[in-house]
């Protein structure tokens, strides 16, 4: 079970959060390449400009994002708190995807397993290992033989620059260089190092 705090954590500007959830009954929330594409298209539409993406992976029946909340002017907030602004954008994002997915695959009912979860990342060590954890997740879940080949994560966009939602410069500055980033991702035992930070229900 998830910690209750993972549903109640409030967003604040300048802070990092691990965003994750999965489809109900562990069923697929991505059934085709067009589903993956559309999910990321909606992310750009509803969340770009609100969050900086540090890493992400879309993994057949669940997703992971590591994000940093941006700073907002009073005009942007329009009387809302930072949390209300970000949570509202997420609500529109997930609702839009779920409605389109249901229509496309002729299904009804909830797509996601409850509200999305978010964990405040307040530790540099955790943030570093979480980037690797998210990138390695498709391989861990047997979606590919090597996570470096997975199309639906930020890893390839960091290694080779191209248009993406990920903040490549931040990630490379965080690790020190592209070489250090790729070398860190070659280590085999990183998954164990962040388990104490996770709730036990992660994929």
Protein backbone atom coordinates (compact mmCIF):
# COMPACT_ATOMS: atom_id res chain seq x y z
CA UNK A 1 0.00 0.00 0.00
CA UNK A 2 1.10 3.57 -0.60
CA UNK A 3 1.84 5.89 2.27
CA UNK A 4 -1.05 8.28 2.87
CA UNK A 5 1.41 11.15 2.52
CA UNK A 6 1.98 10.15 -1.12
CA UNK A 7 -1.57 11.28 -1.87
CA UNK A 8 -1.52 14.39 0.33
CA UNK A 9 1.91 15.89 -0.38
CA UNK A 10 1.48 19.49 -1.48
CA UNK A 11 3.41 21.04 -4.35
CA UNK A 12 5.73 23.98 -3.64
CA UNK A 13 7.82 26.00 -6.07
CA UNK A 14 11.46 25.01 -6.42
CA UNK A 15 11.01 21.56 -4.91
CA UNK A 16 11.43 18.15 -6.55
CA UNK A 17 8.76 15.45 -6.63
CA UNK A 18 8.52 11.85 -7.75
CA UNK A 19 5.18 11.48 -9.56
CA UNK A 20 3.92 7.96 -10.18
CA UNK A 21 0.84 5.79 -10.59
CA UNK A 22 -0.34 2.69 -12.41
CA UNK A 23 -3.42 1.47 -14.22
CA UNK A 24 -6.20 -0.15 -12.25
CA UNK A 25 -5.70 -3.89 -11.64
CA UNK A 26 -2.22 -3.51 -13.16
CA UNK A 27 -3.76 -3.55 -16.64
CA UNK A 28 -2.24 -1.70 -19.55
CA UNK A 29 -2.51 2.05 -19.76
CA UNK A 30 -0.48 2.09 -22.99
CA UNK A 31 -1.53 -0.38 -25.67
CA UNK A 32 0.07 1.17 -28.73
CA UNK A 33 2.79 3.59 -29.76
CA UNK A 34 0.10 6.19 -30.38
CA UNK A 35 -0.96 5.91 -26.71
CA UNK A 36 2.57 6.71 -25.56
CA UNK A 37 2.81 9.59 -28.02
CA UNK A 38 -0.53 11.02 -26.96
CA UNK A 39 0.32 10.82 -23.25
CA UNK A 40 3.46 12.88 -23.83
CA UNK A 41 1.61 15.27 -26.13
CA UNK A 42 -0.86 15.95 -23.33
CA UNK A 43 1.99 16.38 -20.85
CA UNK A 44 3.40 19.15 -23.05
CA UNK A 45 -0.03 20.70 -23.45
CA UNK A 46 -1.02 20.79 -19.79
CA UNK A 47 2.18 20.65 -17.72
CA UNK A 48 4.95 22.25 -19.78
CA UNK A 49 5.66 25.64 -18.27
CA UNK A 50 4.55 24.45 -14.84
CA UNK A 51 7.12 21.72 -14.18
CA UNK A 52 10.71 21.02 -15.19
CA UNK A 53 11.16 17.32 -16.00
CA UNK A 54 14.35 15.71 -14.67
CA UNK A 55 13.56 12.16 -15.78
CA UNK A 56 10.61 10.02 -16.78
CA UNK A 57 9.62 6.59 -18.06
CA UNK A 58 6.34 5.21 -19.38
CA UNK A 59 6.11 1.50 -18.66
CA UNK A 60 3.08 -0.25 -20.17
CA UNK A 61 0.91 -0.23 -17.02
CA UNK A 62 2.48 2.62 -15.01
CA UNK A 63 4.60 5.74 -15.24
CA UNK A 64 7.28 7.63 -13.31
CA UNK A 65 8.23 11.31 -13.48
CA UNK A 66 10.81 13.23 -11.48
CA UNK A 67 9.93 16.92 -11.69
CA UNK A 68 10.74 20.31 -10.20
CA UNK A 69 7.94 22.85 -9.69
CA UNK A 70 8.57 26.22 -11.28
CA UNK A 71 8.06 29.64 -9.69
CA UNK A 72 4.92 31.60 -10.54
CA UNK A 73 3.88 35.23 -10.51
CA UNK A 74 0.76 36.41 -8.67
CA UNK A 75 -0.82 36.89 -12.10
CA UNK A 76 -0.23 33.24 -12.95
CA UNK A 77 -1.54 32.03 -9.61
CA UNK A 78 -4.69 34.21 -9.74
CA UNK A 79 -5.36 33.72 -6.05
CA UNK A 80 -4.53 30.01 -6.05
CA UNK A 81 -1.74 28.33 -4.12
CA UNK A 82 1.09 26.68 -6.04
CA UNK A 83 -0.36 23.32 -5.08
CA UNK A 84 -3.82 24.18 -6.36
CA UNK A 85 -2.38 25.36 -9.67
CA UNK A 86 -0.25 22.23 -10.25
CA UNK A 87 -2.82 19.76 -8.94
CA UNK A 88 -5.43 21.33 -11.21
CA UNK A 89 -3.22 20.90 -14.27
CA UNK A 90 -2.56 17.27 -13.37
CA UNK A 91 -6.29 16.63 -12.97
CA UNK A 92 -7.00 17.94 -16.48
CA UNK A 93 -4.03 15.99 -17.90
CA UNK A 94 -5.00 12.61 -16.45
CA UNK A 95 -8.71 13.06 -17.11
CA UNK A 96 -8.09 13.95 -20.76
CA UNK A 97 -5.85 10.93 -21.31
CA UNK A 98 -8.23 8.53 -19.56
CA UNK A 99 -11.22 9.71 -21.60
CA UNK A 100 -9.31 9.37 -24.87
CA UNK A 101 -7.92 5.94 -23.90
CA UNK A 102 -11.38 4.65 -22.95
CA UNK A 103 -12.87 5.90 -26.20
CA UNK A 104 -10.02 4.48 -28.27
CA UNK A 105 -10.14 1.05 -26.62
CA UNK A 106 -13.92 0.86 -26.07
CA UNK A 107 -13.81 0.65 -22.30
CA UNK A 108 -15.49 2.42 -19.39
CA UNK A 109 -14.60 3.19 -15.81
CA UNK A 110 -11.47 4.38 -14.08
CA UNK A 111 -8.15 3.94 -15.82
CA UNK A 112 -5.81 4.79 -12.96
CA UNK A 113 -5.40 3.12 -9.58
CA UNK A 114 -6.69 6.00 -7.48
CA UNK A 115 -5.22 9.52 -7.39
CA UNK A 116 -1.68 9.97 -8.62
CA UNK A 117 1.04 9.74 -5.99
CA UNK A 118 3.77 12.27 -5.35
CA UNK A 119 6.76 12.06 -3.06
CA UNK A 120 8.82 15.08 -2.06
CA UNK A 121 12.46 14.51 -2.98
CA UNK A 122 14.40 16.47 -0.40
CA UNK A 123 17.72 14.66 -0.53
CA UNK A 124 20.44 14.97 -3.19
CA UNK A 125 21.42 11.32 -2.78
CA UNK A 126 17.82 10.22 -3.34
CA UNK A 127 17.45 12.47 -6.38
CA UNK A 128 20.58 11.04 -8.03
CA UNK A 129 19.58 7.42 -7.56
CA UNK A 130 15.96 8.11 -8.44
CA UNK A 131 17.01 9.36 -11.89
CA UNK A 132 18.67 5.99 -12.50
CA UNK A 133 15.76 4.07 -10.98
CA UNK A 134 13.27 5.73 -13.32
CA UNK A 135 15.42 5.15 -16.39
CA UNK A 136 16.10 1.50 -15.49
CA UNK A 137 12.44 0.77 -14.71
CA UNK A 138 11.46 -0.57 -18.19
CA UNK A 139 14.25 -3.16 -18.04
CA UNK A 140 13.37 -4.05 -14.44
CA UNK A 141 9.80 -4.74 -15.60
CA UNK A 142 10.99 -6.86 -18.55
CA UNK A 143 9.72 -4.47 -21.19
CA UNK A 144 13.11 -4.46 -22.90
CA UNK A 145 16.47 -6.19 -22.61
CA UNK A 146 18.33 -2.92 -22.07
CA UNK A 147 16.67 0.24 -20.72
CA UNK A 148 18.98 2.33 -22.90
CA UNK A 149 16.97 1.19 -25.92
CA UNK A 150 13.53 2.01 -24.47
CA UNK A 151 11.75 4.63 -26.56
CA UNK A 152 9.52 5.94 -23.79
CA UNK A 153 11.94 7.39 -21.27
CA UNK A 154 14.10 10.48 -20.97
CA UNK A 155 17.38 8.52 -21.05
CA UNK A 156 17.88 8.68 -24.81
CA UNK A 157 17.06 12.40 -24.89
CA UNK A 158 19.72 13.09 -22.30
CA UNK A 159 22.36 11.02 -24.08
CA UNK A 160 21.57 12.47 -27.50
CA UNK A 161 19.95 15.91 -27.57
CA UNK A 162 16.68 16.27 -29.43
CA UNK A 163 13.31 17.86 -28.73
CA UNK A 164 11.95 16.56 -25.44
CA UNK A 165 10.24 17.62 -22.21
CA UNK A 166 13.33 16.70 -20.15
CA UNK A 167 15.66 19.41 -18.83
CA UNK A 168 18.83 17.90 -20.30
CA UNK A 169 21.13 20.69 -19.14
CA UNK A 170 20.05 20.34 -15.53
CA UNK A 171 20.61 16.57 -15.56
CA UNK A 172 24.07 16.79 -17.11
CA UNK A 173 25.06 19.59 -14.74
CA UNK A 174 23.78 17.48 -11.83
CA UNK A 175 25.99 14.52 -12.77
CA UNK A 176 28.89 16.70 -13.92
CA UNK A 177 29.04 15.60 -17.54
CA UNK A 178 27.49 13.27 -20.11
CA UNK A 179 30.28 10.78 -19.43
CA UNK A 180 29.55 10.68 -15.70
CA UNK A 181 25.82 10.39 -16.40
CA UNK A 182 26.26 7.37 -18.68
CA UNK A 183 28.82 5.74 -16.37
CA UNK A 184 26.47 6.06 -13.40
CA UNK A 185 23.77 4.33 -15.44
CA UNK A 186 26.11 1.41 -16.20
CA UNK A 187 26.13 0.31 -12.56
CA UNK A 188 24.02 -2.74 -11.83
CA UNK A 189 23.10 -2.28 -8.16
CA UNK A 190 21.49 1.15 -8.10
CA UNK A 191 17.95 -0.21 -7.67
CA UNK A 192 18.64 -1.41 -4.12
CA UNK A 193 20.01 1.91 -2.95
CA UNK A 194 16.71 3.82 -3.07
CA UNK A 195 14.37 1.15 -1.70
CA UNK A 196 14.28 2.83 1.72
CA UNK A 197 12.69 5.87 0.07
CA UNK A 198 9.93 3.94 -1.71
CA UNK A 199 6.56 2.84 -0.43
CA UNK A 200 6.68 -0.81 -1.44
CA UNK A 201 4.04 -0.57 -4.18
CA UNK A 202 6.31 0.70 -6.94
CA UNK A 203 6.91 -1.12 -10.20
